[in-house]
Each structure stands twice: as C-alpha cells, then as structure tokens.
PDB file of N, CA and C in Angstrom:
ATOM      1  N   UNK A   1      10.680   3.371  22.315  1.00  0.00           N
ATOM      2  CA  UNK A   1      10.702   4.056  21.039  1.00  0.00           C
ATOM      3  C   UNK A   1       9.270   4.383  20.647  1.00  0.00           C
ATOM      4  N   UNK A   2       9.029   5.643  20.355  1.00  0.00           N
ATOM      5  CA  UNK A   2       7.684   6.023  19.960  1.00  0.00           C
ATOM      6  C   UNK A   2       7.679   6.409  18.488  1.00  0.00           C
ATOM      7  N   UNK A   3       6.596   6.083  17.835  1.00  0.00           N
ATOM      8  CA  UNK A   3       6.430   6.400  16.424  1.00  0.00           C
ATOM      9  C   UNK A   3       5.226   7.316  16.301  1.00  0.00           C
ATOM     10  N   UNK A   4       5.412   8.423  15.627  1.00  0.00           N
ATOM     11  CA  UNK A   4       4.317   9.361  15.422  1.00  0.00           C
ATOM     12  C   UNK A   4       4.047   9.503  13.935  1.00  0.00           C
ATOM     13  N   UNK A   5       2.775   9.574  13.625  1.00  0.00           N
ATOM     14  CA  UNK A   5       2.380   9.762  12.238  1.00  0.00           C
ATOM     15  C   UNK A   5       1.150  10.651  12.221  1.00  0.00           C
ATOM     16  N   UNK A   6       1.182  11.656  11.406  1.00  0.00           N
ATOM     17  CA  UNK A   6       0.058  12.568  11.299  1.00  0.00           C
ATOM     18  C   UNK A   6      -0.770  12.177  10.078  1.00  0.00           C
ATOM     19  N   UNK A   7      -2.073  12.038  10.274  1.00  0.00           N
ATOM     20  CA  UNK A   7      -2.977  11.724   9.167  1.00  0.00           C
ATOM     21  C   UNK A   7      -3.411  13.046   8.546  1.00  0.00           C
ATOM     22  N   UNK A   8      -3.241  13.179   7.250  1.00  0.00           N
ATOM     23  CA  UNK A   8      -3.565  14.411   6.539  1.00  0.00           C
ATOM     24  C   UNK A   8      -5.077  14.560   6.379  1.00  0.00           C
ATOM     25  N   UNK A   9      -5.509  15.792   6.182  1.00  0.00           N
ATOM     26  CA  UNK A   9      -6.930  16.043   5.950  1.00  0.00           C
ATOM     27  C   UNK A   9      -7.365  15.373   4.654  1.00  0.00           C
ATOM     28  N   UNK A  10      -8.517  14.785   4.691  1.00  0.00           N
ATOM     29  CA  UNK A  10      -9.137  14.107   3.534  1.00  0.00           C
ATOM     30  C   UNK A  10      -8.281  12.968   2.989  1.00  0.00           C
ATOM     31  N   UNK A  11      -7.390  12.420   3.801  1.00  0.00           N
ATOM     32  CA  UNK A  11      -6.593  11.270   3.367  1.00  0.00           C
ATOM     33  C   UNK A  11      -7.385   9.995   3.628  1.00  0.00           C
ATOM     34  N   UNK A  12      -7.514   9.133   2.643  1.00  0.00           N
ATOM     35  CA  UNK A  12      -8.248   7.879   2.856  1.00  0.00           C
ATOM     36  C   UNK A  12      -7.561   7.034   3.934  1.00  0.00           C
ATOM     37  N   UNK A  13      -8.360   6.324   4.697  1.00  0.00           N
ATOM     38  CA  UNK A  13      -7.819   5.515   5.792  1.00  0.00           C
ATOM     39  C   UNK A  13      -6.884   4.430   5.273  1.00  0.00           C
ATOM     40  N   UNK A  14      -7.164   3.917   4.092  1.00  0.00           N
ATOM     41  CA  UNK A  14      -6.303   2.890   3.497  1.00  0.00           C
ATOM     42  C   UNK A  14      -4.905   3.425   3.213  1.00  0.00           C
ATOM     43  N   UNK A  15      -4.832   4.651   2.708  1.00  0.00           N
ATOM     44  CA  UNK A  15      -3.533   5.264   2.412  1.00  0.00           C
ATOM     45  C   UNK A  15      -2.767   5.534   3.706  1.00  0.00           C
ATOM     46  N   UNK A  16      -3.474   5.988   4.733  1.00  0.00           N
ATOM     47  CA  UNK A  16      -2.834   6.256   6.019  1.00  0.00           C
ATOM     48  C   UNK A  16      -2.317   4.960   6.634  1.00  0.00           C
ATOM     49  N   UNK A  17      -3.088   3.908   6.531  1.00  0.00           N
ATOM     50  CA  UNK A  17      -2.671   2.612   7.060  1.00  0.00           C
ATOM     51  C   UNK A  17      -1.441   2.089   6.322  1.00  0.00           C
ATOM     52  N   UNK A  18      -1.417   2.272   5.017  1.00  0.00           N
ATOM     53  CA  UNK A  18      -0.278   1.836   4.208  1.00  0.00           C
ATOM     54  C   UNK A  18       0.992   2.610   4.609  1.00  0.00           C
ATOM     55  N   UNK A  19       0.839   3.929   4.816  1.00  0.00           N
ATOM     56  CA  UNK A  19       1.981   4.738   5.261  1.00  0.00           C
ATOM     57  C   UNK A  19       2.465   4.293   6.631  1.00  0.00           C
ATOM     58  N   UNK A  20       1.529   3.954   7.516  1.00  0.00           N
ATOM     59  CA  UNK A  20       1.885   3.514   8.862  1.00  0.00           C
ATOM     60  C   UNK A  20       2.659   2.202   8.825  1.00  0.00           C
ATOM     61  N   UNK A  21       2.221   1.268   7.986  1.00  0.00           N
ATOM     62  CA  UNK A  21       2.918  -0.011   7.869  1.00  0.00           C
ATOM     63  C   UNK A  21       4.341   0.176   7.349  1.00  0.00           C
ATOM     64  N   UNK A  22       4.511   1.068   6.373  1.00  0.00           N
ATOM     65  CA  UNK A  22       5.846   1.349   5.848  1.00  0.00           C
ATOM     66  C   UNK A  22       6.724   1.973   6.926  1.00  0.00           C
ATOM     67  N   UNK A  23       6.126   2.843   7.729  1.00  0.00           N
ATOM     68  CA  UNK A  23       6.859   3.484   8.817  1.00  0.00           C
ATOM     69  C   UNK A  23       7.335   2.454   9.834  1.00  0.00           C
ATOM     70  N   UNK A  24       6.483   1.490  10.153  1.00  0.00           N
ATOM     71  CA  UNK A  24       6.868   0.423  11.075  1.00  0.00           C
ATOM     72  C   UNK A  24       8.009  -0.410  10.514  1.00  0.00           C
ATOM     73  N   UNK A  25       7.939  -0.745   9.223  1.00  0.00           N
ATOM     74  CA  UNK A  25       8.990  -1.538   8.588  1.00  0.00           C
ATOM     75  C   UNK A  25      10.329  -0.808   8.644  1.00  0.00           C
ATOM     76  N   UNK A  26      10.309   0.481   8.289  1.00  0.00           N
ATOM     77  CA  UNK A  26      11.550   1.252   8.244  1.00  0.00           C
ATOM     78  C   UNK A  26      12.159   1.447   9.627  1.00  0.00           C
ATOM     79  N   UNK A  27      11.322   1.530  10.649  1.00  0.00           N
ATOM     80  CA  UNK A  27      11.838   1.769  11.998  1.00  0.00           C
ATOM     81  C   UNK A  27      12.444   0.510  12.602  1.00  0.00           C
ATOM     82  N   UNK A  28      12.089  -0.666  12.095  1.00  0.00           N
ATOM     83  CA  UNK A  28      12.624  -1.913  12.625  1.00  0.00           C
ATOM     84  C   UNK A  28      11.846  -2.429  13.823  1.00  0.00           C
ATOM     85  N   UNK A  29      10.763  -1.769  14.172  1.00  0.00           N
ATOM     86  CA  UNK A  29       9.978  -2.160  15.337  1.00  0.00           C
ATOM     87  C   UNK A  29       9.284  -3.504  15.121  1.00  0.00           C
ATOM     88  N   UNK A  30       8.804  -3.737  13.921  1.00  0.00           N
ATOM     89  CA  UNK A  30       8.117  -4.991  13.610  1.00  0.00           C
ATOM     90  C   UNK A  30       9.064  -6.186  13.761  1.00  0.00           C
ATOM     91  N   UNK A  31      10.288  -6.015  13.269  1.00  0.00           N
ATOM     92  CA  UNK A  31      11.294  -7.078  13.357  1.00  0.00           C
ATOM     93  C   UNK A  31      11.649  -7.352  14.821  1.00  0.00           C
ATOM     94  N   UNK A  32      11.759  -6.284  15.600  1.00  0.00           N
ATOM     95  CA  UNK A  32      12.092  -6.416  17.010  1.00  0.00           C
ATOM     96  C   UNK A  32      10.977  -7.133  17.776  1.00  0.00           C
ATOM     97  N   UNK A  33       9.734  -6.835  17.454  1.00  0.00           N
ATOM     98  CA  UNK A  33       8.614  -7.504  18.121  1.00  0.00           C
ATOM     99  C   UNK A  33       8.591  -8.995  17.800  1.00  0.00           C
ATOM    100  N   UNK A  34       8.837  -9.334  16.552  1.00  0.00           N
ATOM    101  CA  UNK A  34       8.873 -10.747  16.176  1.00  0.00           C
ATOM    102  C   UNK A  34      10.006 -11.471  16.888  1.00  0.00           C
ATOM    103  N   UNK A  35      11.131 -10.780  17.032  1.00  0.00           N
ATOM    104  CA  UNK A  35      12.299 -11.376  17.673  1.00  0.00           C
ATOM    105  C   UNK A  35      12.010 -11.711  19.138  1.00  0.00           C
ATOM    106  N   UNK A  36      11.232 -10.890  19.801  1.00  0.00           N
ATOM    107  CA  UNK A  36      10.939 -11.089  21.216  1.00  0.00           C
ATOM    108  C   UNK A  36       9.585 -11.745  21.461  1.00  0.00           C
ATOM    109  N   UNK A  37       8.978 -12.290  20.431  1.00  0.00           N
ATOM    110  CA  UNK A  37       7.668 -12.916  20.580  1.00  0.00           C
ATOM    111  C   UNK A  37       7.740 -14.160  21.463  1.00  0.00           C
ATOM    112  N   UNK A  38       8.786 -14.951  21.290  1.00  0.00           N
ATOM    113  CA  UNK A  38       8.982 -16.167  22.071  1.00  0.00           C
ATOM    114  C   UNK A  38      10.374 -16.138  22.682  1.00  0.00           C
ATOM    115  N   UNK A  39      10.517 -16.776  23.836  1.00  0.00           N
ATOM    116  CA  UNK A  39      11.834 -16.867  24.458  1.00  0.00           C
ATOM    117  C   UNK A  39      12.665 -17.888  23.700  1.00  0.00           C
ATOM    118  N   UNK A  40      13.897 -17.536  23.464  1.00  0.00           N
ATOM    119  CA  UNK A  40      14.811 -18.453  22.787  1.00  0.00           C
ATOM    120  C   UNK A  40      16.028 -18.651  23.682  1.00  0.00           C
ATOM    121  N   UNK A  41      16.367 -19.904  23.923  1.00  0.00           N
ATOM    122  CA  UNK A  41      17.501 -20.220  24.782  1.00  0.00           C
ATOM    123  C   UNK A  41      18.794 -19.670  24.176  1.00  0.00           C
ATOM    124  N   UNK A  42      19.750 -19.319  25.028  1.00  0.00           N
ATOM    125  CA  UNK A  42      21.023 -18.808  24.513  1.00  0.00           C
ATOM    126  C   UNK A  42      21.740 -19.800  23.592  1.00  0.00           C
ATOM    127  N   UNK A  43      21.637 -21.097  23.889  1.00  0.00           N
ATOM    128  CA  UNK A  43      22.295 -22.085  23.025  1.00  0.00           C
ATOM    129  C   UNK A  43      21.638 -22.115  21.644  1.00  0.00           C
ATOM    130  N   UNK A  44      20.315 -21.888  21.592  1.00  0.00           N
ATOM    131  CA  UNK A  44      19.636 -21.850  20.295  1.00  0.00           C
ATOM    132  C   UNK A  44      20.035 -20.605  19.506  1.00  0.00           C
ATOM    133  N   UNK A  45      20.229 -19.499  20.210  1.00  0.00           N
ATOM    134  CA  UNK A  45      20.693 -18.282  19.546  1.00  0.00           C
ATOM    135  C   UNK A  45      22.071 -18.497  18.928  1.00  0.00           C
ATOM    136  N   UNK A  46      22.968 -19.117  19.689  1.00  0.00           N
ATOM    137  CA  UNK A  46      24.317 -19.379  19.176  1.00  0.00           C
ATOM    138  C   UNK A  46      24.270 -20.330  17.992  1.00  0.00           C
ATOM    139  N   UNK A  47      23.402 -21.343  18.080  1.00  0.00           N
ATOM    140  CA  UNK A  47      23.293 -22.326  16.994  1.00  0.00           C
ATOM    141  C   UNK A  47      22.804 -21.652  15.712  1.00  0.00           C
ATOM    142  N   UNK A  48      21.791 -20.796  15.835  1.00  0.00           N
ATOM    143  CA  UNK A  48      21.272 -20.100  14.654  1.00  0.00           C
ATOM    144  C   UNK A  48      22.323 -19.173  14.061  1.00  0.00           C
ATOM    145  N   UNK A  49      23.085 -18.505  14.924  1.00  0.00           N
ATOM    146  CA  UNK A  49      24.149 -17.618  14.439  1.00  0.00           C
ATOM    147  C   UNK A  49      25.206 -18.416  13.693  1.00  0.00           C
ATOM    148  N   UNK A  50      25.564 -19.583  14.218  1.00  0.00           N
ATOM    149  CA  UNK A  50      26.551 -20.434  13.568  1.00  0.00           C
ATOM    150  C   UNK A  50      26.048 -20.920  12.209  1.00  0.00           C
ATOM    151  N   UNK A  51      24.789 -21.340  12.136  1.00  0.00           N
ATOM    152  CA  UNK A  51      24.218 -21.780  10.861  1.00  0.00           C
ATOM    153  C   UNK A  51      24.176 -20.636   9.850  1.00  0.00           C
ATOM    154  N   UNK A  52      23.840 -19.438  10.325  1.00  0.00           N
ATOM    155  CA  UNK A  52      23.807 -18.273   9.444  1.00  0.00           C
ATOM    156  C   UNK A  52      25.193 -17.991   8.878  1.00  0.00           C
ATOM    157  N   UNK A  53      26.219 -18.135   9.722  1.00  0.00           N
ATOM    158  CA  UNK A  53      27.595 -17.915   9.304  1.00  0.00           C
ATOM    159  C   UNK A  53      28.012 -18.949   8.254  1.00  0.00           C
ATOM    160  N   UNK A  54      27.651 -20.218   8.489  1.00  0.00           N
ATOM    161  CA  UNK A  54      28.002 -21.281   7.536  1.00  0.00           C
ATOM    162  C   UNK A  54      27.318 -21.072   6.190  1.00  0.00           C
ATOM    163  N   UNK A  55      26.053 -20.656   6.209  1.00  0.00           N
ATOM    164  CA  UNK A  55      25.339 -20.390   4.952  1.00  0.00           C
ATOM    165  C   UNK A  55      26.005 -19.262   4.176  1.00  0.00           C
ATOM    166  N   UNK A  56      26.447 -18.226   4.867  1.00  0.00           N
ATOM    167  CA  UNK A  56      27.106 -17.103   4.207  1.00  0.00           C
ATOM    168  C   UNK A  56      28.416 -17.547   3.577  1.00  0.00           C
ATOM    169  N   UNK A  57      29.154 -18.382   4.273  1.00  0.00           N
ATOM    170  CA  UNK A  57      30.420 -18.895   3.745  1.00  0.00           C
ATOM    171  C   UNK A  57      30.158 -19.728   2.494  1.00  0.00           C
ATOM    172  N   UNK A  58      29.165 -20.643   2.582  1.00  0.00           N
ATOM    173  CA  UNK A  58      28.843 -21.483   1.430  1.00  0.00           C
ATOM    174  C   UNK A  58      28.377 -20.645   0.247  1.00  0.00           C
ATOM    175  N   UNK A  59      27.584 -19.659   0.510  1.00  0.00           N
ATOM    176  CA  UNK A  59      27.069 -18.806  -0.557  1.00  0.00           C
ATOM    177  C   UNK A  59      28.215 -18.049  -1.242  1.00  0.00           C
ATOM    178  N   UNK A  60      29.192 -17.609  -0.478  1.00  0.00           N
ATOM    179  CA  UNK A  60      30.343 -16.920  -1.039  1.00  0.00           C
ATOM    180  C   UNK A  60      31.233 -17.815  -1.860  1.00  0.00           C
ATOM    181  N   UNK A  61      31.361 -19.079  -1.458  1.00  0.00           N
ATOM    182  CA  UNK A  61      32.224 -20.032  -2.150  1.00  0.00           C
ATOM    183  C   UNK A  61      31.590 -20.516  -3.444  1.00  0.00           C
ATOM    184  N   UNK A  62      30.303 -20.702  -3.453  1.00  0.00           N
ATOM    185  CA  UNK A  62      29.629 -21.309  -4.597  1.00  0.00           C
ATOM    186  C   UNK A  62      29.226 -20.329  -5.685  1.00  0.00           C
ATOM    187  N   UNK A  63      29.753 -19.102  -5.684  1.00  0.00           N
ATOM    188  CA  UNK A  63      29.375 -18.159  -6.727  1.00  0.00           C
ATOM    189  C   UNK A  63      30.038 -18.538  -8.042  1.00  0.00           C
ATOM    190  N   UNK A  64      29.257 -18.748  -9.096  1.00  0.00           N
ATOM    191  CA  UNK A  64      29.815 -19.117 -10.400  1.00  0.00           C
ATOM    192  C   UNK A  64      30.466 -17.907 -11.069  1.00  0.00           C
ATOM    193  N   UNK A  65      31.431 -18.187 -11.940  1.00  0.00           N
ATOM    194  CA  UNK A  65      32.131 -17.111 -12.660  1.00  0.00           C
ATOM    195  C   UNK A  65      31.450 -16.781 -13.944  1.00  0.00           C
TER     196      UNK A  65
END
C-alpha cells in the first residue's frame, strides 16, 4: 500500500507533517505496523480475542438504565 501526499507551495513543514500523520492514521497503516511489530503466538491471539469478547459482553450487561 502506497501513500502519496503533495506538499503545497509555501506550506509550513509543521502543517505538512501534521497532514501526513492524519493521513497515516486514516489509512490504518500505523495500526498495522504496530500489530506486526512483534511476533505473537496463535494461542496468544486467540486468548486476546476471547478476553476482548468477554469485556464486550460485560460492558453490554452492566449498562445502567
């Protein structure tokens, strides 16, 4: 996946950098890089998915009226 960004004439470097960071966030590339930063065993992936599911269930049950 390639990301292209054109820097406008007379645009401050800080503004261009800020736009670039937002572009990375929206594309999901930053999240994907973090996900693949370290190897995670398949059993750990399943365990995290199970914990995420349990938290969602608990959060849905504990909503006050």
